[in-house]
C-alpha atoms as a PDB file:
ATOM      1  CA  UNK A   1      -2.590  30.323 -11.743  1.00  0.00           C
ATOM      2  CA  UNK A   2      -3.298  27.004 -12.200  1.00  0.00           C
ATOM      3  CA  UNK A   3      -4.450  25.226  -9.469  1.00  0.00           C
ATOM      4  CA  UNK A   4      -2.887  22.094  -7.891  1.00  0.00           C
ATOM      5  CA  UNK A   5      -2.232  20.132  -4.550  1.00  0.00           C
ATOM      6  CA  UNK A   6       1.978  19.807  -4.921  1.00  0.00           C
ATOM      7  CA  UNK A   7       4.269  22.216  -4.411  1.00  0.00           C
ATOM      8  CA  UNK A   8       7.859  22.533  -4.552  1.00  0.00           C
ATOM      9  CA  UNK A   9       8.656  25.284  -2.208  1.00  0.00           C
ATOM     10  CA  UNK A  10      12.021  26.563  -2.948  1.00  0.00           C
ATOM     11  CA  UNK A  11      13.254  29.101  -0.708  1.00  0.00           C
ATOM     12  CA  UNK A  12      13.807  32.368  -2.363  1.00  0.00           C
ATOM     13  CA  UNK A  13      14.642  35.802  -0.410  1.00  0.00           C
ATOM     14  CA  UNK A  14      12.897  37.714   2.521  1.00  0.00           C
ATOM     15  CA  UNK A  15      10.146  39.783   1.388  1.00  0.00           C
ATOM     16  CA  UNK A  16      12.073  42.746   3.130  1.00  0.00           C
ATOM     17  CA  UNK A  17      14.587  42.186   0.483  1.00  0.00           C
ATOM     18  CA  UNK A  18      12.158  41.910  -2.200  1.00  0.00           C
ATOM     19  CA  UNK A  19      10.325  45.356  -0.894  1.00  0.00           C
ATOM     20  CA  UNK A  20      13.992  47.265  -1.066  1.00  0.00           C
ATOM     21  CA  UNK A  21      14.772  46.099  -4.631  1.00  0.00           C
ATOM     22  CA  UNK A  22      11.369  46.652  -5.951  1.00  0.00           C
ATOM     23  CA  UNK A  23      11.512  50.002  -4.536  1.00  0.00           C
ATOM     24  CA  UNK A  24      14.586  50.562  -6.912  1.00  0.00           C
ATOM     25  CA  UNK A  25      12.710  49.667  -9.950  1.00  0.00           C
ATOM     26  CA  UNK A  26       9.696  52.016  -8.988  1.00  0.00           C
ATOM     27  CA  UNK A  27      12.074  54.950  -8.369  1.00  0.00           C
ATOM     28  CA  UNK A  28      13.413  54.822 -11.413  1.00  0.00           C
ATOM     29  CA  UNK A  29      10.367  55.060 -13.106  1.00  0.00           C
ATOM     30  CA  UNK A  30       9.069  57.462 -11.024  1.00  0.00           C
ATOM     31  CA  UNK A  31      10.747  60.763  -9.834  1.00  0.00           C
ATOM     32  CA  UNK A  32       8.005  61.475  -7.374  1.00  0.00           C
ATOM     33  CA  UNK A  33       8.811  58.597  -5.453  1.00  0.00           C
ATOM     34  CA  UNK A  34      10.924  59.239  -2.058  1.00  0.00           C
ATOM     35  CA  UNK A  35      11.744  57.341   0.954  1.00  0.00           C
ATOM     36  CA  UNK A  36      12.032  58.096   4.607  1.00  0.00           C
ATOM     37  CA  UNK A  37      14.003  56.000   6.932  1.00  0.00           C
ATOM     38  CA  UNK A  38      14.113  55.895  10.528  1.00  0.00           C
ATOM     39  CA  UNK A  39      17.921  54.691  10.943  1.00  0.00           C
ATOM     40  CA  UNK A  40      17.418  51.294  10.199  1.00  0.00           C
ATOM     41  CA  UNK A  41      18.064  51.065   6.344  1.00  0.00           C
ATOM     42  CA  UNK A  42      20.322  48.123   6.158  1.00  0.00           C
ATOM     43  CA  UNK A  43      17.278  45.988   8.034  1.00  0.00           C
ATOM     44  CA  UNK A  44      14.909  47.218   6.216  1.00  0.00           C
ATOM     45  CA  UNK A  45      16.328  47.225   2.523  1.00  0.00           C
ATOM     46  CA  UNK A  46      15.632  50.704   1.794  1.00  0.00           C
ATOM     47  CA  UNK A  47      19.653  51.435   1.633  1.00  0.00           C
ATOM     48  CA  UNK A  48      19.628  50.152  -2.001  1.00  0.00           C
ATOM     49  CA  UNK A  49      17.122  53.297  -2.484  1.00  0.00           C
ATOM     50  CA  UNK A  50      19.321  55.318  -1.320  1.00  0.00           C
ATOM     51  CA  UNK A  51      22.338  54.104  -2.700  1.00  0.00           C
ATOM     52  CA  UNK A  52      20.919  55.168  -5.889  1.00  0.00           C
ATOM     53  CA  UNK A  53      18.411  58.187  -5.218  1.00  0.00           C
ATOM     54  CA  UNK A  54      20.280  59.869  -2.532  1.00  0.00           C
ATOM     55  CA  UNK A  55      18.804  63.036  -3.035  1.00  0.00           C
ATOM     56  CA  UNK A  56      15.069  61.280  -2.904  1.00  0.00           C
ATOM     57  CA  UNK A  57      16.373  59.781   0.446  1.00  0.00           C
ATOM     58  CA  UNK A  58      15.406  61.358   3.894  1.00  0.00           C
ATOM     59  CA  UNK A  59      17.212  59.910   7.326  1.00  0.00           C
ATOM     60  CA  UNK A  60      14.886  60.689  10.006  1.00  0.00           C
ATOM     61  CA  UNK A  61      16.801  59.194  12.694  1.00  0.00           C
ATOM     62  CA  UNK A  62      15.317  56.989  15.764  1.00  0.00           C
ATOM     63  CA  UNK A  63      11.864  58.636  15.284  1.00  0.00           C
ATOM     64  CA  UNK A  64       9.365  57.124  13.642  1.00  0.00           C
ATOM     65  CA  UNK A  65       6.317  59.386  14.952  1.00  0.00           C
ATOM     66  CA  UNK A  66       8.485  62.409  13.132  1.00  0.00           C
ATOM     67  CA  UNK A  67       9.354  60.300  10.099  1.00  0.00           C
ATOM     68  CA  UNK A  68       5.709  59.576   9.825  1.00  0.00           C
ATOM     69  CA  UNK A  69       4.556  63.056   9.811  1.00  0.00           C
ATOM     70  CA  UNK A  70       7.621  64.040   7.474  1.00  0.00           C
ATOM     71  CA  UNK A  71       6.356  61.421   4.597  1.00  0.00           C
ATOM     72  CA  UNK A  72       2.626  62.602   5.111  1.00  0.00           C
ATOM     73  CA  UNK A  73       4.038  66.005   4.495  1.00  0.00           C
ATOM     74  CA  UNK A  74       5.547  65.132   1.379  1.00  0.00           C
ATOM     75  CA  UNK A  75       2.273  63.050   0.407  1.00  0.00           C
ATOM     76  CA  UNK A  76       0.658  66.612   0.694  1.00  0.00           C
ATOM     77  CA  UNK A  77       3.002  68.317  -1.544  1.00  0.00           C
ATOM     78  CA  UNK A  78       2.381  65.554  -4.528  1.00  0.00           C
ATOM     79  CA  UNK A  79       5.537  63.370  -3.478  1.00  0.00           C
ATOM     80  CA  UNK A  80       4.773  59.147  -3.439  1.00  0.00           C
ATOM     81  CA  UNK A  81       6.903  58.781  -0.140  1.00  0.00           C
ATOM     82  CA  UNK A  82       7.782  54.880   1.446  1.00  0.00           C
ATOM     83  CA  UNK A  83       8.130  55.457   5.296  1.00  0.00           C
ATOM     84  CA  UNK A  84       9.834  52.125   6.690  1.00  0.00           C
ATOM     85  CA  UNK A  85      11.031  50.871  10.059  1.00  0.00           C
ATOM     86  CA  UNK A  86      10.591  47.586  12.271  1.00  0.00           C
ATOM     87  CA  UNK A  87       6.486  47.470  11.973  1.00  0.00           C
ATOM     88  CA  UNK A  88       6.363  47.122  16.012  1.00  0.00           C
ATOM     89  CA  UNK A  89       7.765  50.639  15.609  1.00  0.00           C
ATOM     90  CA  UNK A  90       6.440  52.653  12.557  1.00  0.00           C
ATOM     91  CA  UNK A  91       2.636  51.319  14.199  1.00  0.00           C
ATOM     92  CA  UNK A  92       3.286  51.510  17.898  1.00  0.00           C
ATOM     93  CA  UNK A  93       5.465  54.806  17.885  1.00  0.00           C
ATOM     94  CA  UNK A  94       3.918  56.361  15.096  1.00  0.00           C
ATOM     95  CA  UNK A  95       0.502  55.877  15.645  1.00  0.00           C
ATOM     96  CA  UNK A  96      -0.828  59.106  16.458  1.00  0.00           C
ATOM     97  CA  UNK A  97       0.930  60.260  13.145  1.00  0.00           C
ATOM     98  CA  UNK A  98      -0.474  57.761  11.312  1.00  0.00           C
ATOM     99  CA  UNK A  99      -4.321  58.524  12.280  1.00  0.00           C
ATOM    100  CA  UNK A 100      -4.095  62.666  12.222  1.00  0.00           C
ATOM    101  CA  UNK A 101      -1.488  63.214   9.554  1.00  0.00           C
ATOM    102  CA  UNK A 102      -2.640  59.941   7.479  1.00  0.00           C
ATOM    103  CA  UNK A 103      -5.630  58.197   7.806  1.00  0.00           C
ATOM    104  CA  UNK A 104      -7.656  61.333   9.004  1.00  0.00           C
ATOM    105  CA  UNK A 105      -6.652  63.050   5.763  1.00  0.00           C
ATOM    106  CA  UNK A 106      -6.698  60.367   3.402  1.00  0.00           C
ATOM    107  CA  UNK A 107      -2.703  61.569   2.379  1.00  0.00           C
ATOM    108  CA  UNK A 108      -0.668  58.946  -0.168  1.00  0.00           C
ATOM    109  CA  UNK A 109       1.582  57.672   2.242  1.00  0.00           C
ATOM    110  CA  UNK A 110       2.872  54.349   2.073  1.00  0.00           C
ATOM    111  CA  UNK A 111       3.836  52.749   5.394  1.00  0.00           C
ATOM    112  CA  UNK A 112       6.242  49.618   5.479  1.00  0.00           C
ATOM    113  CA  UNK A 113       6.312  47.632   8.467  1.00  0.00           C
ATOM    114  CA  UNK A 114       9.475  45.133   8.256  1.00  0.00           C
ATOM    115  CA  UNK A 115      10.314  42.688  10.789  1.00  0.00           C
ATOM    116  CA  UNK A 116       6.667  41.569  11.420  1.00  0.00           C
ATOM    117  CA  UNK A 117       5.536  38.847  13.782  1.00  0.00           C
ATOM    118  CA  UNK A 118       7.661  36.585  15.887  1.00  0.00           C
ATOM    119  CA  UNK A 119       9.844  35.202  13.173  1.00  0.00           C
ATOM    120  CA  UNK A 120      12.271  38.062  13.349  1.00  0.00           C
ATOM    121  CA  UNK A 121      13.764  35.805  16.090  1.00  0.00           C
ATOM    122  CA  UNK A 122      16.306  36.327  19.005  1.00  0.00           C
ATOM    123  CA  UNK A 123      15.512  40.371  18.467  1.00  0.00           C
ATOM    124  CA  UNK A 124      12.880  39.568  21.446  1.00  0.00           C
ATOM    125  CA  UNK A 125       9.043  40.672  22.130  1.00  0.00           C
ATOM    126  CA  UNK A 126       9.961  44.475  21.977  1.00  0.00           C
ATOM    127  CA  UNK A 127      10.575  44.256  18.704  1.00  0.00           C
ATOM    128  CA  UNK A 128       8.143  41.812  17.301  1.00  0.00           C
ATOM    129  CA  UNK A 129       4.698  43.305  15.715  1.00  0.00           C
ATOM    130  CA  UNK A 130       2.124  41.188  16.530  1.00  0.00           C
ATOM    131  CA  UNK A 131      -0.588  43.611  16.809  1.00  0.00           C
ATOM    132  CA  UNK A 132       0.273  45.821  13.369  1.00  0.00           C
ATOM    133  CA  UNK A 133      -2.887  44.513  11.061  1.00  0.00           C
ATOM    134  CA  UNK A 134      -5.002  44.920  14.063  1.00  0.00           C
ATOM    135  CA  UNK A 135      -3.783  48.579  14.119  1.00  0.00           C
ATOM    136  CA  UNK A 136      -3.367  49.063  10.785  1.00  0.00           C
ATOM    137  CA  UNK A 137      -6.902  48.045  10.013  1.00  0.00           C
ATOM    138  CA  UNK A 138      -8.004  50.539  12.225  1.00  0.00           C
ATOM    139  CA  UNK A 139      -7.166  53.308  10.452  1.00  0.00           C
ATOM    140  CA  UNK A 140      -9.650  54.120   8.162  1.00  0.00           C
ATOM    141  CA  UNK A 141      -9.168  54.477   4.725  1.00  0.00           C
ATOM    142  CA  UNK A 142      -5.745  52.561   4.792  1.00  0.00           C
ATOM    143  CA  UNK A 143      -5.138  49.435   2.535  1.00  0.00           C
ATOM    144  CA  UNK A 144      -3.283  46.756   4.179  1.00  0.00           C
ATOM    145  CA  UNK A 145      -1.432  44.512   2.566  1.00  0.00           C
ATOM    146  CA  UNK A 146       0.704  41.159   3.558  1.00  0.00           C
ATOM    147  CA  UNK A 147       2.460  39.512   0.764  1.00  0.00           C
ATOM    148  CA  UNK A 148       3.322  35.814   1.143  1.00  0.00           C
ATOM    149  CA  UNK A 149       6.600  36.076  -1.164  1.00  0.00           C
ATOM    150  CA  UNK A 150       9.058  37.888  -3.168  1.00  0.00           C
ATOM    151  CA  UNK A 151       7.030  37.630  -6.236  1.00  0.00           C
ATOM    152  CA  UNK A 152       4.378  39.022  -4.686  1.00  0.00           C
ATOM    153  CA  UNK A 153       5.752  41.365  -2.991  1.00  0.00           C
ATOM    154  CA  UNK A 154       7.246  43.087  -5.627  1.00  0.00           C
ATOM    155  CA  UNK A 155       3.886  43.082  -7.038  1.00  0.00           C
ATOM    156  CA  UNK A 156       2.145  44.814  -4.163  1.00  0.00           C
ATOM    157  CA  UNK A 157       4.914  47.365  -3.632  1.00  0.00           C
ATOM    158  CA  UNK A 158       4.194  48.338  -7.112  1.00  0.00           C
ATOM    159  CA  UNK A 159       0.520  48.205  -6.743  1.00  0.00           C
ATOM    160  CA  UNK A 160       0.711  50.528  -3.179  1.00  0.00           C
ATOM    161  CA  UNK A 161       2.875  52.909  -4.966  1.00  0.00           C
ATOM    162  CA  UNK A 162      -0.009  52.816  -8.087  1.00  0.00           C
ATOM    163  CA  UNK A 163      -2.731  53.218  -5.273  1.00  0.00           C
ATOM    164  CA  UNK A 164      -4.036  56.777  -4.212  1.00  0.00           C
ATOM    165  CA  UNK A 165      -4.111  56.837  -0.466  1.00  0.00           C
ATOM    166  CA  UNK A 166      -2.557  55.583   2.411  1.00  0.00           C
ATOM    167  CA  UNK A 167      -1.325  52.062   2.266  1.00  0.00           C
ATOM    168  CA  UNK A 168       0.217  49.548   5.002  1.00  0.00           C
ATOM    169  CA  UNK A 169       2.486  46.789   3.571  1.00  0.00           C
ATOM    170  CA  UNK A 170       3.707  43.828   6.020  1.00  0.00           C
ATOM    171  CA  UNK A 171       7.025  42.575   5.153  1.00  0.00           C
ATOM    172  CA  UNK A 172       9.077  39.772   7.463  1.00  0.00           C
ATOM    173  CA  UNK A 173      12.737  39.466   8.073  1.00  0.00           C
ATOM    174  CA  UNK A 174      13.480  35.727   7.082  1.00  0.00           C
ATOM    175  CA  UNK A 175      13.842  33.987   3.430  1.00  0.00           C
ATOM    176  CA  UNK A 176      10.479  32.918   2.311  1.00  0.00           C
ATOM    177  CA  UNK A 177       9.546  30.094   0.476  1.00  0.00           C
ATOM    178  CA  UNK A 178       8.458  31.359  -3.229  1.00  0.00           C
ATOM    179  CA  UNK A 179       5.299  30.543  -4.012  1.00  0.00           C
ATOM    180  CA  UNK A 180       4.030  32.219  -7.501  1.00  0.00           C
ATOM    181  CA  UNK A 181       5.935  32.490 -10.862  1.00  0.00           C
ATOM    182  CA  UNK A 182       7.202  35.554 -12.170  1.00  0.00           C
ATOM    183  CA  UNK A 183       4.664  37.466 -13.967  1.00  0.00           C
ATOM    184  CA  UNK A 184       1.625  36.452 -11.783  1.00  0.00           C
ATOM    185  CA  UNK A 185      -0.931  38.726 -11.593  1.00  0.00           C
ATOM    186  CA  UNK A 186      -1.875  40.600  -8.525  1.00  0.00           C
ATOM    187  CA  UNK A 187      -4.842  42.803  -7.277  1.00  0.00           C
ATOM    188  CA  UNK A 188      -5.484  44.835  -4.039  1.00  0.00           C
ATOM    189  CA  UNK A 189      -8.340  43.479  -2.623  1.00  0.00           C
ATOM    190  CA  UNK A 190      -8.371  39.722  -4.342  1.00  0.00           C
ATOM    191  CA  UNK A 191      -7.572  36.617  -2.925  1.00  0.00           C
ATOM    192  CA  UNK A 192      -5.651  34.270  -4.803  1.00  0.00           C
ATOM    193  CA  UNK A 193      -6.737  30.110  -4.762  1.00  0.00           C
ATOM    194  CA  UNK A 194      -3.711  28.147  -4.793  1.00  0.00           C
ATOM    195  CA  UNK A 195      -4.794  24.621  -3.677  1.00  0.00           C
ATOM    196  CA  UNK A 196      -8.796  23.271  -5.166  1.00  0.00           C
ATOM    197  CA  UNK A 197     -10.342  21.685  -1.689  1.00  0.00           C
ATOM    198  CA  UNK A 198     -14.140  20.748  -1.250  1.00  0.00           C
ATOM    199  CA  UNK A 199     -13.791  19.662   2.213  1.00  0.00           C
ATOM    200  CA  UNK A 200     -12.609  22.516   4.318  1.00  0.00           C
ATOM    201  CA  UNK A 201     -10.632  25.989   3.407  1.00  0.00           C
ATOM    202  CA  UNK A 202      -7.558  27.294   4.475  1.00  0.00           C
ATOM    203  CA  UNK A 203      -6.942  30.899   4.570  1.00  0.00           C
ATOM    204  CA  UNK A 204      -3.431  32.290   4.919  1.00  0.00           C
ATOM    205  CA  UNK A 205      -1.199  35.018   4.872  1.00  0.00           C
ATOM    206  CA  UNK A 206       2.494  36.221   4.578  1.00  0.00           C
ATOM    207  CA  UNK A 207       4.373  32.633   6.101  1.00  0.00           C
ATOM    208  CA  UNK A 208       1.437  31.024   6.888  1.00  0.00           C
ATOM    209  CA  UNK A 209       0.564  30.397   3.333  1.00  0.00           C
ATOM    210  CA  UNK A 210       3.551  27.997   2.774  1.00  0.00           C
ATOM    211  CA  UNK A 211       2.631  26.038   5.926  1.00  0.00           C
ATOM    212  CA  UNK A 212      -0.871  26.002   4.817  1.00  0.00           C
ATOM    213  CA  UNK A 213      -0.347  24.290   1.510  1.00  0.00           C
ATOM    214  CA  UNK A 214       1.865  22.201   3.287  1.00  0.00           C
ATOM    215  CA  UNK A 215      -0.661  21.325   5.336  1.00  0.00           C
ATOM    216  CA  UNK A 216      -2.831  21.126   2.657  1.00  0.00           C
ATOM    217  CA  UNK A 217      -0.541  18.237   1.504  1.00  0.00           C
ATOM    218  CA  UNK A 218      -0.962  16.539   4.743  1.00  0.00           C
ATOM    219  CA  UNK A 219      -5.003  16.472   4.610  1.00  0.00           C
ATOM    220  CA  UNK A 220      -4.597  15.493   1.546  1.00  0.00           C
ATOM    221  CA  UNK A 221      -2.847  12.040   2.435  1.00  0.00           C
ATOM    222  CA  UNK A 222      -5.820  11.474   5.160  1.00  0.00           C
ATOM    223  CA  UNK A 223      -8.586  11.622   2.401  1.00  0.00           C
ATOM    224  CA  UNK A 224      -9.293  15.315   2.893  1.00  0.00           C
ATOM    225  CA  UNK A 225      -9.844  17.867   0.158  1.00  0.00           C
ATOM    226  CA  UNK A 226      -8.564  21.428   1.790  1.00  0.00           C
ATOM    227  CA  UNK A 227      -8.832  24.430  -0.383  1.00  0.00           C
ATOM    228  CA  UNK A 228      -6.036  27.105   0.020  1.00  0.00           C
ATOM    229  CA  UNK A 229      -6.382  30.794  -0.394  1.00  0.00           C
ATOM    230  CA  UNK A 230      -3.689  33.281  -0.096  1.00  0.00           C
ATOM    231  CA  UNK A 231      -5.215  36.501   1.306  1.00  0.00           C
ATOM    232  CA  UNK A 232      -2.567  39.102   0.904  1.00  0.00           C
ATOM    233  CA  UNK A 233      -5.444  42.099   1.277  1.00  0.00           C
ATOM    234  CA  UNK A 234      -6.051  41.868   4.776  1.00  0.00           C
ATOM    235  CA  UNK A 235      -8.069  45.298   4.165  1.00  0.00           C
ATOM    236  CA  UNK A 236      -9.919  45.395   1.861  1.00  0.00           C
ATOM    237  CA  UNK A 237     -11.119  41.871   2.299  1.00  0.00           C
ATOM    238  CA  UNK A 238     -11.916  39.723  -0.434  1.00  0.00           C
ATOM    239  CA  UNK A 239     -15.737  38.708   1.078  1.00  0.00           C
ATOM    240  CA  UNK A 240     -16.846  37.365  -2.400  1.00  0.00           C
ATOM    241  CA  UNK A 241     -13.954  34.477  -2.010  1.00  0.00           C
ATOM    242  CA  UNK A 242     -14.562  34.016   1.162  1.00  0.00           C
ATOM    243  CA  UNK A 243     -18.378  33.879   0.917  1.00  0.00           C
ATOM    244  CA  UNK A 244     -17.510  31.144  -1.603  1.00  0.00           C
ATOM    245  CA  UNK A 245     -14.980  28.933   0.467  1.00  0.00           C
ATOM    246  CA  UNK A 246     -17.806  29.035   3.346  1.00  0.00           C
ATOM    247  CA  UNK A 247     -20.533  28.038   1.212  1.00  0.00           C
ATOM    248  CA  UNK A 248     -18.757  25.152  -0.811  1.00  0.00           C
ATOM    249  CA  UNK A 249     -16.587  23.891   1.471  1.00  0.00           C
ATOM    250  CA  UNK A 250     -18.239  24.555   4.857  1.00  0.00           C
ATOM    251  CA  UNK A 251     -15.514  24.847   7.283  1.00  0.00           C
ATOM    252  CA  UNK A 252     -12.787  27.307   7.514  1.00  0.00           C
ATOM    253  CA  UNK A 253      -9.503  27.778   9.051  1.00  0.00           C
ATOM    254  CA  UNK A 254      -7.323  31.029   9.302  1.00  0.00           C
ATOM    255  CA  UNK A 255      -3.692  31.212   9.598  1.00  0.00           C
ATOM    256  CA  UNK A 256      -1.507  33.819  10.659  1.00  0.00           C
ATOM    257  CA  UNK A 257       2.080  35.128  12.305  1.00  0.00           C
ATOM    258  CA  UNK A 258      -0.246  37.593  14.385  1.00  0.00           C
ATOM    259  CA  UNK A 259      -2.513  37.759  17.295  1.00  0.00           C
ATOM    260  CA  UNK A 260      -5.521  35.487  16.682  1.00  0.00           C
ATOM    261  CA  UNK A 261      -7.705  38.445  18.810  1.00  0.00           C
ATOM    262  CA  UNK A 262      -7.324  41.083  16.292  1.00  0.00           C
ATOM    263  CA  UNK A 263      -5.662  40.082  12.547  1.00  0.00           C
ATOM    264  CA  UNK A 264      -7.235  38.584   9.555  1.00  0.00           C
ATOM    265  CA  UNK A 265      -9.209  35.586  11.358  1.00  0.00           C
ATOM    266  CA  UNK A 266     -11.407  38.259  13.114  1.00  0.00           C
ATOM    267  CA  UNK A 267     -11.978  39.760   9.745  1.00  0.00           C
ATOM    268  CA  UNK A 268     -12.731  36.555   7.918  1.00  0.00           C
ATOM    269  CA  UNK A 269     -14.824  35.677  10.780  1.00  0.00           C
ATOM    270  CA  UNK A 270     -17.163  38.534  10.513  1.00  0.00           C
ATOM    271  CA  UNK A 271     -17.407  38.205   6.705  1.00  0.00           C
ATOM    272  CA  UNK A 272     -18.408  34.496   7.148  1.00  0.00           C
ATOM    273  CA  UNK A 273     -20.751  35.585   9.888  1.00  0.00           C
ATOM    274  CA  UNK A 274     -22.664  37.938   7.169  1.00  0.00           C
ATOM    275  CA  UNK A 275     -22.524  35.700   4.414  1.00  0.00           C
ATOM    276  CA  UNK A 276     -22.592  31.629   4.981  1.00  0.00           C
ATOM    277  CA  UNK A 277     -22.055  30.874   8.954  1.00  0.00           C
ATOM    278  CA  UNK A 278     -19.731  28.202   8.903  1.00  0.00           C
ATOM    279  CA  UNK A 279     -17.387  26.391  11.791  1.00  0.00           C
ATOM    280  CA  UNK A 280     -14.238  28.287  11.911  1.00  0.00           C
ATOM    281  CA  UNK A 281     -10.616  27.407  13.914  1.00  0.00           C
ATOM    282  CA  UNK A 282      -7.714  30.442  14.441  1.00  0.00           C
ATOM    283  CA  UNK A 283      -4.106  29.353  14.052  1.00  0.00           C
ATOM    284  CA  UNK A 284      -1.997  32.315  15.458  1.00  0.00           C
ATOM    285  CA  UNK A 285      -0.457  34.131  18.332  1.00  0.00           C
ATOM    286  CA  UNK A 286      -2.979  33.668  21.476  1.00  0.00           C
ATOM    287  CA  UNK A 287      -2.825  36.369  24.012  1.00  0.00           C
ATOM    288  CA  UNK A 288       0.638  36.252  24.562  1.00  0.00           C
ATOM    289  CA  UNK A 289       4.149  37.778  23.724  1.00  0.00           C
ATOM    290  CA  UNK A 290       6.665  35.240  22.559  1.00  0.00           C
ATOM    291  CA  UNK A 291       9.990  34.873  23.539  1.00  0.00           C
ATOM    292  CA  UNK A 292      13.512  35.168  22.035  1.00  0.00           C
ATOM    293  CA  UNK A 293      14.784  32.193  20.216  1.00  0.00           C
ATOM    294  CA  UNK A 294      15.286  31.135  17.052  1.00  0.00           C
ATOM    295  CA  UNK A 295      12.614  31.634  14.205  1.00  0.00           C
ATOM    296  CA  UNK A 296      12.000  28.236  13.534  1.00  0.00           C
ATOM    297  CA  UNK A 297      11.888  27.039  17.615  1.00  0.00           C
ATOM    298  CA  UNK A 298       9.618  29.813  17.887  1.00  0.00           C
ATOM    299  CA  UNK A 299       7.133  29.615  15.098  1.00  0.00           C
ATOM    300  CA  UNK A 300       7.145  25.577  16.378  1.00  0.00           C
ATOM    301  CA  UNK A 301       6.359  26.491  20.290  1.00  0.00           C
ATOM    302  CA  UNK A 302       3.987  29.224  19.247  1.00  0.00           C
ATOM    303  CA  UNK A 303       2.105  26.758  16.745  1.00  0.00           C
ATOM    304  CA  UNK A 304       2.202  27.936  13.581  1.00  0.00           C
ATOM    305  CA  UNK A 305       3.253  25.484  11.359  1.00  0.00           C
ATOM    306  CA  UNK A 306       1.761  23.169   8.690  1.00  0.00           C
ATOM    307  CA  UNK A 307       0.869  20.342  11.477  1.00  0.00           C
ATOM    308  CA  UNK A 308      -0.877  23.003  13.370  1.00  0.00           C
ATOM    309  CA  UNK A 309      -3.076  24.195  10.088  1.00  0.00           C
ATOM    310  CA  UNK A 310      -3.862  20.786   9.510  1.00  0.00           C
ATOM    311  CA  UNK A 311      -4.505  19.994  13.236  1.00  0.00           C
ATOM    312  CA  UNK A 312      -7.208  23.072  13.366  1.00  0.00           C
ATOM    313  CA  UNK A 313      -8.677  21.405   9.782  1.00  0.00           C
ATOM    314  CA  UNK A 314      -9.266  18.222  11.505  1.00  0.00           C
ATOM    315  CA  UNK A 315     -10.941  20.162  14.440  1.00  0.00           C
ATOM    316  CA  UNK A 316     -13.275  22.164  12.245  1.00  0.00           C
ATOM    317  CA  UNK A 317     -14.204  19.054  10.309  1.00  0.00           C
ATOM    318  CA  UNK A 318     -15.291  17.492  13.469  1.00  0.00           C
ATOM    319  CA  UNK A 319     -17.754  20.405  14.161  1.00  0.00           C
ATOM    320  CA  UNK A 320     -18.930  20.899  10.879  1.00  0.00           C
ATOM    321  CA  UNK A 321     -20.261  17.222  11.330  1.00  0.00           C
END
């Protein structure tokens, strides 16, 4: 994608909807693709698949642990199962089964967690998944993905289906700005530079990618050249892109809709420490659960806006100097 500093970020569909629609396309191409649901098909958008392929859709009821184990069994029999629920449910309720029936035997299971982060809004903290990336990255052998818009989500659903081995794919509830043009190429394990910059690097995933682009525009108005990297693959990490960013800009801000204690920021910090130690700042949720509220109010209250990312960049630049 040609690098540029000005984006017209038009609102597109939610990544959960992009997932559901892409899954139907893949199902048409490959009869081995099957879906398991935990009584949330209209929310996770797998109802599109159920309508077209009812004989390849398995309703497991409100039982994420059982759903994961059934999905792992289907994978062991040669199918390509996608199991879907809210991130808070499939990771927390299904973790033992993810560990024992998917990660340990390294089966070809695709796990999709929707309604991730705090942007789920009014449903409240019991359904907000702010630990999911930490949990998923802790499962040996799992690929962990967090796309930023409808285009990247559709591409990563396809890449997840083609990948041999377990995958966790993170999706969100709200509609997301469109960042990429149709036809953009993606690879598992590769970051994408969206905005060039030489003073500081802003690294993000999911909904914080658009906020990081806006932050770069704020900083540009202050004479600061900010590079923006979309890091849709949380595991395996693009360590080379991180090394270049640390070496060339000397300062990094990681922004994510996740606990700062265990998300992408921790993984980036590890890579930076091993390659090109640099000052870093972390925009995310800090040692707390959120509360019920509108997505917009929650994102503002818990500090995950372009203004917060720009402020973090100013702080890290002072430490760099």
